[in-house]
Amino acid sequence: MKVSIIVPVYRVEKYLKKCIDSILEQTYENLEIILVNDGSPDRCGQICDNYATLDSRIKVINKENGGLSDARNKGVEVATGDYISFVDSDDYIDKNYIRTMVDALLRTNVELICVTHEKFFHEDDSMVKVPEIECELMTAYEALNGKNSRHFITAWGKLVKRSIVEKYPFPIGKLHEDEFVTYKYILETYNRSVAFLNMPLYYYRQREDSIIGHRNSNFSVSNLDAIEAYLEKIDYIKKIGIDESFVVRDYLIISSRCLKNMKKYQVNYDIKKLIQMRNSYYKQYFLKFNLIEHLRIIKAYFL
């Protein structure tokens, strides 16, 4: 089984070598390593090209800057592996990351597998451990709405059949791009199981100068992309006949947080429509939520 690892690269000169080295050190060797230099203004392009001379498995795509989604999409276009795994270029992976997931795929015959991760901060590489959760097979609905659903949101930390990934390109110019796409991967397996491993084999770097760091430290109208993603998800799930109330719950929580932050950061945006839409959904689905879900929705706005 051939695995394509796609790494979008932009302004990560400080971290890139550690990322690529961790991929080259994989105990599973049947790899295609696709480094997509997204017009990075630093030495990232040169670093990628240098690595390509050292290992024939490495392909380098040098392109004009188009953003994370565009870089991932370009990688998917040239991928030839049976399965695809995305790795962000400021993160790194355990040497058994791919082998562990491939072994599980062969045992279970699933088309998507997810592992846990550990967060660390770039200042001293100190780890923030994510609690381990038992390995299990689960339905698509459980992956989206179960206790482990947060692990299935990101594009990284997974191995997904290439034919599934090719169906759903990442949206260009959006923040929260993963939330527009990964649930569609999972729903492609609706009549089968997906696998979840309790092994933290992916190391996620938390840093302030990353896209995610900016999301967490400030707020702008672009953050409303998350609301758009959840509204799209509600419609998508309704069309295939799944009870969408759990997505509405998450939408209400996300929109409440957005509204709170818009007031906090005095974002110049007409929020009346957002409030009306949020209230409309809350009234429509009020009876479908239990007490804990109601408290989570209320807490998101006031705390």
C-alpha atoms as a PDB file:
ATOM      1  CA  MET A   1       0.000   0.000   0.000  1.00  0.00           C
ATOM      2  CA  LYS A   2       1.450   3.323  -1.078  1.00  0.00           C
ATOM      3  CA  VAL A   3       0.842   6.382   1.100  1.00  0.00           C
ATOM      4  CA  SER A   4       1.107   9.978  -0.113  1.00  0.00           C
ATOM      5  CA  ILE A   5       2.084  12.477   2.584  1.00  0.00           C
ATOM      6  CA  ILE A   6       1.176  16.032   1.591  1.00  0.00           C
ATOM      7  CA  VAL A   7       2.943  18.921   3.332  1.00  0.00           C
ATOM      8  CA  PRO A   8       1.857  22.506   2.518  1.00  0.00           C
ATOM      9  CA  VAL A   9       4.825  24.809   3.163  1.00  0.00           C
ATOM     10  CA  TYR A  10       4.725  28.528   3.948  1.00  0.00           C
ATOM     11  CA  ARG A  11       6.926  30.646   6.239  1.00  0.00           C
ATOM     12  CA  VAL A  12       8.110  27.752   8.379  1.00  0.00           C
ATOM     13  CA  GLU A  13      11.855  27.911   7.735  1.00  0.00           C
ATOM     14  CA  LYS A  14      12.519  27.489  11.458  1.00  0.00           C
ATOM     15  CA  TYR A  15      10.496  24.275  11.743  1.00  0.00           C
ATOM     16  CA  LEU A  16      10.531  22.689   8.290  1.00  0.00           C
ATOM     17  CA  LYS A  17      13.581  20.459   8.639  1.00  0.00           C
ATOM     18  CA  LYS A  18      12.207  18.808  11.770  1.00  0.00           C
ATOM     19  CA  CYS A  19       8.951  18.118   9.955  1.00  0.00           C
ATOM     20  CA  ILE A  20      10.593  16.611   6.871  1.00  0.00           C
ATOM     21  CA  ASP A  21      13.111  14.607   8.920  1.00  0.00           C
ATOM     22  CA  SER A  22      10.268  13.044  10.910  1.00  0.00           C
ATOM     23  CA  ILE A  23       8.675  11.917   7.635  1.00  0.00           C
ATOM     24  CA  LEU A  24      11.910  10.499   6.252  1.00  0.00           C
ATOM     25  CA  GLU A  25      12.407   8.559   9.502  1.00  0.00           C
ATOM     26  CA  GLN A  26       9.120   6.668   9.082  1.00  0.00           C
ATOM     27  CA  THR A  27       9.436   2.926   9.627  1.00  0.00           C
ATOM     28  CA  TYR A  28       6.905   2.483   6.815  1.00  0.00           C
ATOM     29  CA  GLU A  29       8.839   3.176   3.624  1.00  0.00           C
ATOM     30  CA  ASN A  30       6.345   2.903   0.747  1.00  0.00           C
ATOM     31  CA  LEU A  31       5.785   6.640   0.729  1.00  0.00           C
ATOM     32  CA  GLU A  32       5.342   9.499  -1.681  1.00  0.00           C
ATOM     33  CA  ILE A  33       6.294  12.764   0.035  1.00  0.00           C
ATOM     34  CA  ILE A  34       4.791  15.847  -1.608  1.00  0.00           C
ATOM     35  CA  LEU A  35       6.169  19.192  -0.415  1.00  0.00           C
ATOM     36  CA  VAL A  36       4.079  22.097  -1.704  1.00  0.00           C
ATOM     37  CA  ASN A  37       6.004  25.365  -1.446  1.00  0.00           C
ATOM     38  CA  ASP A  38       3.177  27.894  -1.413  1.00  0.00           C
ATOM     39  CA  GLY A  39       5.279  30.858  -2.550  1.00  0.00           C
ATOM     40  CA  SER A  40       7.066  31.081   0.792  1.00  0.00           C
ATOM     41  CA  PRO A  41       9.248  34.240   0.925  1.00  0.00           C
ATOM     42  CA  ASP A  42      11.912  32.656   3.146  1.00  0.00           C
ATOM     43  CA  ARG A  43      14.275  29.729   2.476  1.00  0.00           C
ATOM     44  CA  CYS A  44      11.542  27.080   2.549  1.00  0.00           C
ATOM     45  CA  GLY A  45      11.660  26.509  -1.200  1.00  0.00           C
ATOM     46  CA  GLN A  46      15.405  25.955  -1.134  1.00  0.00           C
ATOM     47  CA  ILE A  47      15.097  23.579   1.818  1.00  0.00           C
ATOM     48  CA  CYS A  48      12.460  21.537  -0.019  1.00  0.00           C
ATOM     49  CA  ASP A  49      14.554  21.372  -3.185  1.00  0.00           C
ATOM     50  CA  ASN A  50      17.620  20.273  -1.210  1.00  0.00           C
ATOM     51  CA  TYR A  51      15.700  17.427   0.421  1.00  0.00           C
ATOM     52  CA  ALA A  52      14.408  16.301  -2.976  1.00  0.00           C
ATOM     53  CA  THR A  53      18.006  15.643  -4.067  1.00  0.00           C
ATOM     54  CA  LEU A  54      18.501  13.372  -1.051  1.00  0.00           C
ATOM     55  CA  ASP A  55      15.450  11.099  -1.376  1.00  0.00           C
ATOM     56  CA  SER A  56      13.714  10.042  -4.588  1.00  0.00           C
ATOM     57  CA  ARG A  57      10.381   9.707  -2.780  1.00  0.00           C
ATOM     58  CA  ILE A  58      10.165  13.490  -2.408  1.00  0.00           C
ATOM     59  CA  LYS A  59       8.272  15.599  -4.947  1.00  0.00           C
ATOM     60  CA  VAL A  60       8.421  19.387  -4.705  1.00  0.00           C
ATOM     61  CA  ILE A  61       5.752  21.694  -6.086  1.00  0.00           C
ATOM     62  CA  ASN A  62       6.782  25.358  -6.233  1.00  0.00           C
ATOM     63  CA  LYS A  63       3.779  27.622  -6.760  1.00  0.00           C
ATOM     64  CA  GLU A  64       2.564  31.153  -6.195  1.00  0.00           C
ATOM     65  CA  ASN A  65       1.020  31.814  -2.818  1.00  0.00           C
ATOM     66  CA  GLY A  66      -2.593  30.690  -2.749  1.00  0.00           C
ATOM     67  CA  GLY A  67      -3.127  29.752   0.874  1.00  0.00           C
ATOM     68  CA  LEU A  68      -3.299  26.511   2.832  1.00  0.00           C
ATOM     69  CA  SER A  69      -6.322  25.091   1.006  1.00  0.00           C
ATOM     70  CA  ASP A  70      -4.835  25.716  -2.423  1.00  0.00           C
ATOM     71  CA  ALA A  71      -1.522  24.134  -1.402  1.00  0.00           C
ATOM     72  CA  ARG A  72      -3.245  21.000  -0.114  1.00  0.00           C
ATOM     73  CA  ASN A  73      -5.366  20.780  -3.252  1.00  0.00           C
ATOM     74  CA  LYS A  74      -2.281  20.999  -5.476  1.00  0.00           C
ATOM     75  CA  GLY A  75      -0.719  18.166  -3.505  1.00  0.00           C
ATOM     76  CA  VAL A  76      -3.810  16.002  -3.934  1.00  0.00           C
ATOM     77  CA  GLU A  77      -3.776  16.644  -7.697  1.00  0.00           C
ATOM     78  CA  VAL A  78      -0.359  15.001  -8.102  1.00  0.00           C
ATOM     79  CA  ALA A  79      -0.707  12.314  -5.416  1.00  0.00           C
ATOM     80  CA  THR A  80      -0.500   8.699  -6.599  1.00  0.00           C
ATOM     81  CA  GLY A  81      -0.753   6.856  -3.282  1.00  0.00           C
ATOM     82  CA  ASP A  82      -3.618   4.581  -2.287  1.00  0.00           C
ATOM     83  CA  TYR A  83      -4.099   6.665   0.856  1.00  0.00           C
ATOM     84  CA  ILE A  84      -3.318  10.277   1.750  1.00  0.00           C
ATOM     85  CA  SER A  85      -2.104  11.831   4.985  1.00  0.00           C
ATOM     86  CA  PHE A  86      -1.769  15.588   5.506  1.00  0.00           C
ATOM     87  CA  VAL A  87       1.014  16.919   7.724  1.00  0.00           C
ATOM     88  CA  ASP A  88       1.349  20.628   8.509  1.00  0.00           C
ATOM     89  CA  SER A  89       4.886  21.886   7.966  1.00  0.00           C
ATOM     90  CA  ASP A  90       5.424  23.248  11.484  1.00  0.00           C
ATOM     91  CA  ASP A  91       4.370  19.931  13.055  1.00  0.00           C
ATOM     92  CA  TYR A  92       6.101  16.556  13.076  1.00  0.00           C
ATOM     93  CA  ILE A  93       5.147  12.904  13.399  1.00  0.00           C
ATOM     94  CA  ASP A  94       6.239   9.847  15.352  1.00  0.00           C
ATOM     95  CA  LYS A  95       8.440   7.436  13.408  1.00  0.00           C
ATOM     96  CA  ASN A  96       5.670   4.809  13.575  1.00  0.00           C
ATOM     97  CA  TYR A  97       2.885   7.218  12.572  1.00  0.00           C
ATOM     98  CA  ILE A  98       2.221   5.784   9.108  1.00  0.00           C
ATOM     99  CA  ARG A  99       3.038   2.148   9.908  1.00  0.00           C
ATOM    100  CA  THR A 100       0.646   2.086  12.856  1.00  0.00           C
ATOM    101  CA  MET A 101      -2.214   3.453  10.787  1.00  0.00           C
ATOM    102  CA  VAL A 102      -1.491   1.203   7.797  1.00  0.00           C
ATOM    103  CA  ASP A 103      -1.401  -1.875  10.039  1.00  0.00           C
ATOM    104  CA  ALA A 104      -4.761  -0.877  11.519  1.00  0.00           C
ATOM    105  CA  LEU A 105      -6.203  -0.293   8.045  1.00  0.00           C
ATOM    106  CA  LEU A 106      -5.139  -3.740   6.895  1.00  0.00           C
ATOM    107  CA  ARG A 107      -6.665  -5.351  10.004  1.00  0.00           C
ATOM    108  CA  THR A 108      -9.967  -3.509   9.848  1.00  0.00           C
ATOM    109  CA  ASN A 109     -10.448  -2.780   6.121  1.00  0.00           C
ATOM    110  CA  VAL A 110     -11.607   0.783   6.836  1.00  0.00           C
ATOM    111  CA  GLU A 111     -11.141   3.748   4.517  1.00  0.00           C
ATOM    112  CA  LEU A 112     -10.354   6.352   7.179  1.00  0.00           C
ATOM    113  CA  ILE A 113      -8.342   6.158  10.372  1.00  0.00           C
ATOM    114  CA  CYS A 114      -7.609   8.846  12.947  1.00  0.00           C
ATOM    115  CA  VAL A 115      -5.025   9.089  15.741  1.00  0.00           C
ATOM    116  CA  THR A 116      -4.719  11.436  18.700  1.00  0.00           C
ATOM    117  CA  HIS A 117      -2.069  14.135  19.006  1.00  0.00           C
ATOM    118  CA  GLU A 118       0.047  16.018  21.472  1.00  0.00           C
ATOM    119  CA  LYS A 119       0.319  19.800  21.484  1.00  0.00           C
ATOM    120  CA  PHE A 120       3.625  21.510  22.121  1.00  0.00           C
ATOM    121  CA  PHE A 121       4.801  25.113  22.209  1.00  0.00           C
ATOM    122  CA  HIS A 122       7.679  26.304  20.083  1.00  0.00           C
ATOM    123  CA  GLU A 123       9.486  28.183  22.833  1.00  0.00           C
ATOM    124  CA  ASP A 124      10.791  25.062  24.576  1.00  0.00           C
ATOM    125  CA  ASP A 125       9.019  22.194  22.776  1.00  0.00           C
ATOM    126  CA  SER A 126       7.160  21.438  26.004  1.00  0.00           C
ATOM    127  CA  MET A 127       4.295  19.011  25.506  1.00  0.00           C
ATOM    128  CA  VAL A 128       0.653  19.399  26.423  1.00  0.00           C
ATOM    129  CA  LYS A 129      -0.608  15.840  26.544  1.00  0.00           C
ATOM    130  CA  VAL A 130      -3.988  14.978  25.109  1.00  0.00           C
ATOM    131  CA  PRO A 131      -5.701  12.246  27.145  1.00  0.00           C
ATOM    132  CA  GLU A 132      -5.509   8.837  25.517  1.00  0.00           C
ATOM    133  CA  ILE A 133      -8.799   7.264  24.486  1.00  0.00           C
ATOM    134  CA  GLU A 134      -9.357   3.594  23.793  1.00  0.00           C
ATOM    135  CA  CYS A 135      -8.851   2.371  20.239  1.00  0.00           C
ATOM    136  CA  GLU A 136     -12.130   1.531  18.590  1.00  0.00           C
ATOM    137  CA  LEU A 137     -14.110   1.126  15.410  1.00  0.00           C
ATOM    138  CA  MET A 138     -17.035   3.505  15.129  1.00  0.00           C
ATOM    139  CA  THR A 139     -19.744   4.542  12.733  1.00  0.00           C
ATOM    140  CA  ALA A 140     -19.572   7.781  10.796  1.00  0.00           C
ATOM    141  CA  TYR A 141     -22.269   9.231  13.071  1.00  0.00           C
ATOM    142  CA  GLU A 142     -20.256   8.347  16.180  1.00  0.00           C
ATOM    143  CA  ALA A 143     -17.150   9.917  14.657  1.00  0.00           C
ATOM    144  CA  LEU A 144     -19.046  13.152  14.054  1.00  0.00           C
ATOM    145  CA  ASN A 145     -21.060  13.281  17.270  1.00  0.00           C
ATOM    146  CA  GLY A 146     -19.346  10.974  19.765  1.00  0.00           C
ATOM    147  CA  LYS A 147     -16.907  11.625  22.583  1.00  0.00           C
ATOM    148  CA  ASN A 148     -13.997  11.574  20.117  1.00  0.00           C
ATOM    149  CA  SER A 149     -15.517  13.875  17.490  1.00  0.00           C
ATOM    150  CA  ARG A 150     -13.042  16.709  18.119  1.00  0.00           C
ATOM    151  CA  HIS A 151     -10.245  14.501  16.779  1.00  0.00           C
ATOM    152  CA  PHE A 152     -12.008  14.103  13.435  1.00  0.00           C
ATOM    153  CA  ILE A 153     -12.223  17.832  12.603  1.00  0.00           C
ATOM    154  CA  THR A 154      -8.654  18.452  11.424  1.00  0.00           C
ATOM    155  CA  ALA A 155      -7.234  17.293   8.104  1.00  0.00           C
ATOM    156  CA  TRP A 156      -4.006  16.165   9.780  1.00  0.00           C
ATOM    157  CA  GLY A 157      -3.706  13.159  12.081  1.00  0.00           C
ATOM    158  CA  LYS A 158      -5.446  10.870   9.609  1.00  0.00           C
ATOM    159  CA  LEU A 159      -5.013   8.402   6.801  1.00  0.00           C
ATOM    160  CA  VAL A 160      -7.779   8.625   4.195  1.00  0.00           C
ATOM    161  CA  LYS A 161      -8.393   6.742   0.967  1.00  0.00           C
ATOM    162  CA  ARG A 162      -7.221   8.924  -1.934  1.00  0.00           C
ATOM    163  CA  SER A 163     -10.426   8.486  -3.934  1.00  0.00           C
ATOM    164  CA  ILE A 164     -12.347  10.067  -1.039  1.00  0.00           C
ATOM    165  CA  VAL A 165      -9.950  12.992  -0.623  1.00  0.00           C
ATOM    166  CA  GLU A 166     -10.068  13.729  -4.351  1.00  0.00           C
ATOM    167  CA  LYS A 167     -13.848  14.233  -4.202  1.00  0.00           C
ATOM    168  CA  TYR A 168     -13.697  17.100  -1.737  1.00  0.00           C
ATOM    169  CA  PRO A 169     -11.147  19.880  -2.379  1.00  0.00           C
ATOM    170  CA  PHE A 170     -10.497  22.403   0.365  1.00  0.00           C
ATOM    171  CA  PRO A 171     -12.257  25.771  -0.105  1.00  0.00           C
ATOM    172  CA  ILE A 172      -9.939  28.547  -1.262  1.00  0.00           C
ATOM    173  CA  GLY A 173      -9.612  31.666   0.880  1.00  0.00           C
ATOM    174  CA  LYS A 174     -11.386  30.328   3.956  1.00  0.00           C
ATOM    175  CA  LEU A 175     -10.312  30.066   7.558  1.00  0.00           C
ATOM    176  CA  HIS A 176     -11.505  26.889   9.284  1.00  0.00           C
ATOM    177  CA  GLU A 177     -10.982  25.129   5.946  1.00  0.00           C
ATOM    178  CA  ASP A 178     -10.896  21.681   7.569  1.00  0.00           C
ATOM    179  CA  GLU A 179     -14.419  22.125   8.905  1.00  0.00           C
ATOM    180  CA  PHE A 180     -15.749  22.481   5.356  1.00  0.00           C
ATOM    181  CA  VAL A 181     -14.256  19.150   4.293  1.00  0.00           C
ATOM    182  CA  THR A 182     -13.376  16.474   6.852  1.00  0.00           C
ATOM    183  CA  TYR A 183     -16.961  15.593   7.791  1.00  0.00           C
ATOM    184  CA  LYS A 184     -17.531  14.758   4.108  1.00  0.00           C
ATOM    185  CA  TYR A 185     -14.637  12.291   4.245  1.00  0.00           C
ATOM    186  CA  ILE A 186     -16.317  10.613   7.191  1.00  0.00           C
ATOM    187  CA  LEU A 187     -19.778  10.538   5.632  1.00  0.00           C
ATOM    188  CA  GLU A 188     -18.307   8.793   2.578  1.00  0.00           C
ATOM    189  CA  THR A 189     -17.827   5.824   4.926  1.00  0.00           C
ATOM    190  CA  TYR A 190     -21.389   6.050   6.293  1.00  0.00           C
ATOM    191  CA  ASN A 191     -22.241   2.401   5.648  1.00  0.00           C
ATOM    192  CA  ARG A 192     -18.879   1.244   7.016  1.00  0.00           C
ATOM    193  CA  SER A 193     -16.753   1.907  10.062  1.00  0.00           C
ATOM    194  CA  VAL A 194     -13.937   4.367  10.641  1.00  0.00           C
ATOM    195  CA  ALA A 195     -11.070   3.561  12.992  1.00  0.00           C
ATOM    196  CA  PHE A 196      -9.814   5.603  15.933  1.00  0.00           C
ATOM    197  CA  LEU A 197      -6.496   4.886  17.665  1.00  0.00           C
ATOM    198  CA  ASN A 198      -5.656   6.167  21.116  1.00  0.00           C
ATOM    199  CA  MET A 199      -2.008   6.706  20.207  1.00  0.00           C
ATOM    200  CA  PRO A 200      -0.740  10.326  20.160  1.00  0.00           C
ATOM    201  CA  LEU A 201       1.490   9.894  17.113  1.00  0.00           C
ATOM    202  CA  TYR A 202       1.053  13.393  15.674  1.00  0.00           C
ATOM    203  CA  TYR A 203       2.812  16.369  17.281  1.00  0.00           C
ATOM    204  CA  TYR A 204       0.968  19.629  16.775  1.00  0.00           C
ATOM    205  CA  ARG A 205       2.954  22.839  17.274  1.00  0.00           C
ATOM    206  CA  GLN A 206       1.011  25.640  18.950  1.00  0.00           C
ATOM    207  CA  ARG A 207       2.564  28.976  17.984  1.00  0.00           C
ATOM    208  CA  GLU A 208       1.287  32.522  17.926  1.00  0.00           C
ATOM    209  CA  ASP A 209       2.482  33.363  14.406  1.00  0.00           C
ATOM    210  CA  SER A 210       0.548  30.528  12.765  1.00  0.00           C
ATOM    211  CA  ILE A 211      -2.919  30.778  11.229  1.00  0.00           C
ATOM    212  CA  ILE A 212      -4.338  28.921  14.227  1.00  0.00           C
ATOM    213  CA  GLY A 213      -2.419  31.114  16.635  1.00  0.00           C
ATOM    214  CA  HIS A 214      -3.966  34.226  15.115  1.00  0.00           C
ATOM    215  CA  ARG A 215      -7.404  32.630  15.331  1.00  0.00           C
ATOM    216  CA  ASN A 216      -6.971  32.063  19.030  1.00  0.00           C
ATOM    217  CA  SER A 217      -5.469  35.461  19.897  1.00  0.00           C
ATOM    218  CA  ASN A 218      -7.731  37.822  17.955  1.00  0.00           C
ATOM    219  CA  PHE A 219     -10.994  37.947  16.058  1.00  0.00           C
ATOM    220  CA  SER A 220     -12.017  39.246  12.665  1.00  0.00           C
ATOM    221  CA  VAL A 221     -14.843  38.834  10.175  1.00  0.00           C
ATOM    222  CA  SER A 222     -12.852  35.948   8.637  1.00  0.00           C
ATOM    223  CA  ASN A 223     -13.590  33.926  11.757  1.00  0.00           C
ATOM    224  CA  LEU A 224     -17.211  33.855  10.627  1.00  0.00           C
ATOM    225  CA  ASP A 225     -16.117  31.245   8.088  1.00  0.00           C
ATOM    226  CA  ALA A 226     -16.678  28.760  10.909  1.00  0.00           C
ATOM    227  CA  ILE A 227     -20.364  29.684  10.984  1.00  0.00           C
ATOM    228  CA  GLU A 228     -20.585  29.268   7.212  1.00  0.00           C
ATOM    229  CA  ALA A 229     -18.973  25.832   7.504  1.00  0.00           C
ATOM    230  CA  TYR A 230     -21.519  24.672  10.074  1.00  0.00           C
ATOM    231  CA  LEU A 231     -24.495  26.006   8.123  1.00  0.00           C
ATOM    232  CA  GLU A 232     -23.240  24.149   5.061  1.00  0.00           C
ATOM    233  CA  LYS A 233     -22.770  21.041   7.192  1.00  0.00           C
ATOM    234  CA  ILE A 234     -26.358  21.235   8.488  1.00  0.00           C
ATOM    235  CA  ASP A 235     -27.754  21.301   4.945  1.00  0.00           C
ATOM    236  CA  TYR A 236     -25.408  18.548   3.752  1.00  0.00           C
ATOM    237  CA  ILE A 237     -26.352  16.168   6.556  1.00  0.00           C
ATOM    238  CA  LYS A 238     -30.078  16.858   6.206  1.00  0.00           C
ATOM    239  CA  LYS A 239     -29.920  15.947   2.516  1.00  0.00           C
ATOM    240  CA  ILE A 240     -28.502  12.493   3.213  1.00  0.00           C
ATOM    241  CA  GLY A 241     -31.132  11.723   5.840  1.00  0.00           C
ATOM    242  CA  ILE A 242     -29.177  11.972   9.098  1.00  0.00           C
ATOM    243  CA  ASP A 243     -30.589  13.787  12.133  1.00  0.00           C
ATOM    244  CA  GLU A 244     -28.825  17.138  11.944  1.00  0.00           C
ATOM    245  CA  SER A 245     -29.674  18.386  15.445  1.00  0.00           C
ATOM    246  CA  PHE A 246     -26.165  17.655  16.786  1.00  0.00           C
ATOM    247  CA  VAL A 247     -24.691  19.901  14.070  1.00  0.00           C
ATOM    248  CA  VAL A 248     -27.211  22.628  14.901  1.00  0.00           C
ATOM    249  CA  ARG A 249     -26.095  22.360  18.530  1.00  0.00           C
ATOM    250  CA  ASP A 250     -22.466  22.870  17.503  1.00  0.00           C
ATOM    251  CA  TYR A 251     -23.462  25.730  15.197  1.00  0.00           C
ATOM    252  CA  LEU A 252     -25.254  27.463  18.070  1.00  0.00           C
ATOM    253  CA  ILE A 253     -22.185  27.087  20.281  1.00  0.00           C
ATOM    254  CA  ILE A 254     -19.829  28.395  17.582  1.00  0.00           C
ATOM    255  CA  SER A 255     -22.102  31.287  16.608  1.00  0.00           C
ATOM    256  CA  SER A 256     -22.519  32.253  20.272  1.00  0.00           C
ATOM    257  CA  ARG A 257     -18.747  32.409  20.687  1.00  0.00           C
ATOM    258  CA  CYS A 258     -18.423  34.460  17.508  1.00  0.00           C
ATOM    259  CA  LEU A 259     -21.070  36.941  18.644  1.00  0.00           C
ATOM    260  CA  LYS A 260     -19.402  37.279  22.022  1.00  0.00           C
ATOM    261  CA  ASN A 261     -16.004  37.923  20.429  1.00  0.00           C
ATOM    262  CA  MET A 262     -17.438  40.374  17.904  1.00  0.00           C
ATOM    263  CA  LYS A 263     -18.629  42.484  20.815  1.00  0.00           C
ATOM    264  CA  LYS A 264     -15.365  42.030  22.714  1.00  0.00           C
ATOM    265  CA  TYR A 265     -13.155  43.071  19.780  1.00  0.00           C
ATOM    266  CA  GLN A 266     -15.684  45.603  18.428  1.00  0.00           C
ATOM    267  CA  VAL A 267     -15.695  44.016  14.984  1.00  0.00           C
ATOM    268  CA  ASN A 268     -17.188  46.308  12.347  1.00  0.00           C
ATOM    269  CA  TYR A 269     -19.962  44.048  11.107  1.00  0.00           C
ATOM    270  CA  ASP A 270     -23.747  44.063  11.138  1.00  0.00           C
ATOM    271  CA  ILE A 271     -24.524  41.287  13.595  1.00  0.00           C
ATOM    272  CA  LYS A 272     -28.309  41.638  13.521  1.00  0.00           C
ATOM    273  CA  LYS A 273     -28.703  38.987  10.820  1.00  0.00           C
ATOM    274  CA  LEU A 274     -26.409  36.598  12.700  1.00  0.00           C
ATOM    275  CA  ILE A 275     -28.416  37.009  15.879  1.00  0.00           C
ATOM    276  CA  GLN A 276     -31.713  36.471  14.058  1.00  0.00           C
ATOM    277  CA  MET A 277     -30.441  33.307  12.368  1.00  0.00           C
ATOM    278  CA  ARG A 278     -29.000  31.940  15.618  1.00  0.00           C
ATOM    279  CA  ASN A 279     -32.250  32.603  17.498  1.00  0.00           C
ATOM    280  CA  SER A 280     -34.298  31.035  14.706  1.00  0.00           C
ATOM    281  CA  TYR A 281     -32.300  27.798  14.839  1.00  0.00           C
ATOM    282  CA  TYR A 282     -32.437  27.747  18.644  1.00  0.00           C
ATOM    283  CA  LYS A 283     -36.231  28.033  18.674  1.00  0.00           C
ATOM    284  CA  GLN A 284     -36.640  25.449  15.917  1.00  0.00           C
ATOM    285  CA  TYR A 285     -34.481  22.803  17.625  1.00  0.00           C
ATOM    286  CA  PHE A 286     -35.098  23.765  21.265  1.00  0.00           C
ATOM    287  CA  LEU A 287     -36.923  20.555  22.176  1.00  0.00           C
ATOM    288  CA  LYS A 288     -34.235  18.326  20.635  1.00  0.00           C
ATOM    289  CA  PHE A 289     -31.539  19.416  23.085  1.00  0.00           C
ATOM    290  CA  ASN A 290     -31.065  18.007  26.556  1.00  0.00           C
ATOM    291  CA  LEU A 291     -30.265  20.139  29.604  1.00  0.00           C
ATOM    292  CA  ILE A 292     -26.496  19.747  29.258  1.00  0.00           C
ATOM    293  CA  GLU A 293     -26.637  20.837  25.616  1.00  0.00           C
ATOM    294  CA  HIS A 294     -28.725  23.893  26.528  1.00  0.00           C
ATOM    295  CA  LEU A 295     -26.176  24.825  29.197  1.00  0.00           C
ATOM    296  CA  ARG A 296     -23.295  24.475  26.733  1.00  0.00           C
ATOM    297  CA  ILE A 297     -25.035  26.786  24.264  1.00  0.00           C
ATOM    298  CA  ILE A 298     -25.768  29.404  26.917  1.00  0.00           C
ATOM    299  CA  LYS A 299     -22.277  29.136  28.411  1.00  0.00           C
ATOM    300  CA  ALA A 300     -20.658  29.752  25.011  1.00  0.00           C
ATOM    301  CA  TYR A 301     -22.218  33.205  24.871  1.00  0.00           C
ATOM    302  CA  PHE A 302     -21.922  34.388  28.450  1.00  0.00           C
ATOM    303  CA  LEU A 303     -18.632  32.824  29.637  1.00  0.00           C
END
